C-alpha atoms as a PDB file:
ATOM      1  CA  MET A   1      78.747  53.078 147.852  1.00  0.00           C
ATOM      2  CA  ARG A   2      81.882  53.954 146.412  1.00  0.00           C
ATOM      3  CA  ARG A   3      83.169  57.628 146.553  1.00  0.00           C
ATOM      4  CA  LYS A   4      84.283  59.042 143.351  1.00  0.00           C
ATOM      5  CA  LYS A   5      87.856  59.945 143.288  1.00  0.00           C
ATOM      6  CA  GLY A   6      88.679  63.446 142.491  1.00  0.00           C
ATOM      7  CA  ARG A   7      91.001  64.210 139.430  1.00  0.00           C
ATOM      8  CA  VAL A   8      94.693  65.021 140.446  1.00  0.00           C
ATOM      9  CA  ASN A   9      96.222  67.743 138.692  1.00  0.00           C
ATOM     10  CA  VAL A  10      99.228  67.380 137.238  1.00  0.00           C
ATOM     11  CA  PHE A  11     101.676  69.920 135.804  1.00  0.00           C
ATOM     12  CA  ILE A  12     104.235  69.209 132.850  1.00  0.00           C
ATOM     13  CA  ASP A  13     106.742  71.798 132.255  1.00  0.00           C
ATOM     14  CA  MET A  14     107.243  71.936 128.612  1.00  0.00           C
ATOM     15  CA  THR A  15     110.125  74.362 128.605  1.00  0.00           C
ATOM     16  CA  PRO A  16     112.614  71.754 128.029  1.00  0.00           C
ATOM     17  CA  MET A  17     110.782  70.173 125.390  1.00  0.00           C
ATOM     18  CA  VAL A  18     110.403  73.562 123.303  1.00  0.00           C
ATOM     19  CA  ASP A  19     114.071  74.279 124.000  1.00  0.00           C
ATOM     20  CA  VAL A  20     115.361  70.981 122.593  1.00  0.00           C
ATOM     21  CA  THR A  21     112.904  71.087 119.448  1.00  0.00           C
ATOM     22  CA  MET A  22     114.079  74.681 118.809  1.00  0.00           C
ATOM     23  CA  LEU A  23     117.704  73.406 119.195  1.00  0.00           C
ATOM     24  CA  LEU A  24     117.041  70.658 116.575  1.00  0.00           C
ATOM     25  CA  LEU A  25     115.240  72.950 114.268  1.00  0.00           C
ATOM     26  CA  THR A  26     118.069  75.261 114.305  1.00  0.00           C
ATOM     27  CA  PHE A  27     120.562  72.615 113.779  1.00  0.00           C
ATOM     28  CA  PHE A  28     118.961  71.202 110.402  1.00  0.00           C
ATOM     29  CA  MET A  29     118.225  74.649 109.148  1.00  0.00           C
ATOM     30  CA  LEU A  30     121.906  75.661 109.323  1.00  0.00           C
ATOM     31  CA  THR A  31     123.150  72.251 108.206  1.00  0.00           C
ATOM     32  CA  THR A  32     120.935  71.482 105.427  1.00  0.00           C
ATOM     33  CA  GLN A  33     122.403  72.038 102.024  1.00  0.00           C
ATOM     34  CA  PHE A  34     120.189  71.940  99.118  1.00  0.00           C
ATOM     35  CA  LEU A  35     121.179  70.520  95.606  1.00  0.00           C
ATOM     36  CA  PRO A  36     120.760  72.904  92.726  1.00  0.00           C
ATOM     37  CA  PRO A  37     117.992  72.189  90.143  1.00  0.00           C
ATOM     38  CA  PRO A  38     118.932  69.600  87.819  1.00  0.00           C
ATOM     39  CA  VAL A  39     119.533  70.739  84.095  1.00  0.00           C
ATOM     40  CA  TRP A  40     118.450  68.249  81.654  1.00  0.00           C
ATOM     41  CA  HIS A  41     120.328  67.617  78.069  1.00  0.00           C
ATOM     42  CA  SER A  42     118.826  66.627  75.263  1.00  0.00           C
ATOM     43  CA  GLU A  43     120.755  65.409  72.235  1.00  0.00           C
ATOM     44  CA  LYS A  44     119.063  66.514  68.948  1.00  0.00           C
ATOM     45  CA  VAL A  45     120.369  66.232  65.654  1.00  0.00           C
ATOM     46  CA  VAL A  46     120.029  69.639  63.922  1.00  0.00           C
ATOM     47  CA  GLU A  47     118.781  69.193  60.235  1.00  0.00           C
ATOM     48  CA  GLY A  48     121.686  69.978  57.861  1.00  0.00           C
ATOM     49  CA  ALA A  49     124.189  70.106  60.530  1.00  0.00           C
ATOM     50  CA  GLY A  50     124.908  66.227  60.534  1.00  0.00           C
ATOM     51  CA  ARG A  51     125.922  66.333  64.019  1.00  0.00           C
ATOM     52  CA  ALA A  52     124.347  66.065  67.493  1.00  0.00           C
ATOM     53  CA  VAL A  53     124.171  69.343  69.493  1.00  0.00           C
ATOM     54  CA  GLY A  54     123.611  69.240  73.192  1.00  0.00           C
ATOM     55  CA  ALA A  55     120.771  71.888  74.311  1.00  0.00           C
ATOM     56  CA  PRO A  56     120.013  72.556  78.005  1.00  0.00           C
ATOM     57  CA  ILE A  57     116.443  72.115  78.566  1.00  0.00           C
ATOM     58  CA  GLU A  58     114.944  74.777  80.894  1.00  0.00           C
ATOM     59  CA  PRO A  59     112.538  74.330  83.815  1.00  0.00           C
ATOM     60  CA  ALA A  60     109.828  75.878  81.762  1.00  0.00           C
ATOM     61  CA  GLY A  61     110.556  73.519  78.992  1.00  0.00           C
ATOM     62  CA  THR A  62     111.964  75.665  76.467  1.00  0.00           C
ATOM     63  CA  THR A  63     115.791  75.474  74.967  1.00  0.00           C
ATOM     64  CA  ARG A  64     118.311  77.844  73.727  1.00  0.00           C
ATOM     65  CA  LEU A  65     120.170  76.845  71.139  1.00  0.00           C
ATOM     66  CA  ALA A  66     123.191  78.801  69.711  1.00  0.00           C
ATOM     67  CA  MET A  67     125.438  77.409  67.081  1.00  0.00           C
ATOM     68  CA  PRO A  68     128.530  79.083  65.627  1.00  0.00           C
ATOM     69  CA  PRO A  69     127.970  80.237  61.869  1.00  0.00           C
ATOM     70  CA  ARG A  70     128.768  77.497  59.130  1.00  0.00           C
ATOM     71  CA  VAL A  71     131.864  78.260  57.366  1.00  0.00           C
ATOM     72  CA  PRO A  72     131.821  77.039  53.539  1.00  0.00           C
ATOM     73  CA  ALA A  73     134.301  74.455  52.836  1.00  0.00           C
ATOM     74  CA  ARG A  74     136.437  76.834  50.653  1.00  0.00           C
ATOM     75  CA  ALA A  75     136.803  79.133  53.294  1.00  0.00           C
ATOM     76  CA  ALA A  76     137.651  76.782  55.785  1.00  0.00           C
ATOM     77  CA  ALA A  77     140.440  75.432  53.505  1.00  0.00           C
ATOM     78  CA  ALA A  78     141.643  78.809  53.164  1.00  0.00           C
ATOM     79  CA  ARG A  79     142.060  79.466  56.923  1.00  0.00           C
ATOM     80  CA  ARG A  80     143.988  76.254  57.267  1.00  0.00           C
ATOM     81  CA  LYS A  81     146.574  77.455  54.639  1.00  0.00           C
END
């Protein structure tokens, strides 16, 4: 009959592996540059304005639209003079 072979205990030192892992993690954390979140622009024609107006769409899906007050044609002509 054969004798059973005993297990050989092998010790692997994990310290160098942990050191390299931490160095790589630190390197990537310090060198990564994140892009700012994209701002979507929508071209909408405002009724009565007769022109396209760019309005940024916020991440929540809302828009803020601010237009200068509409000047009557007579007042605009008077300003030109």
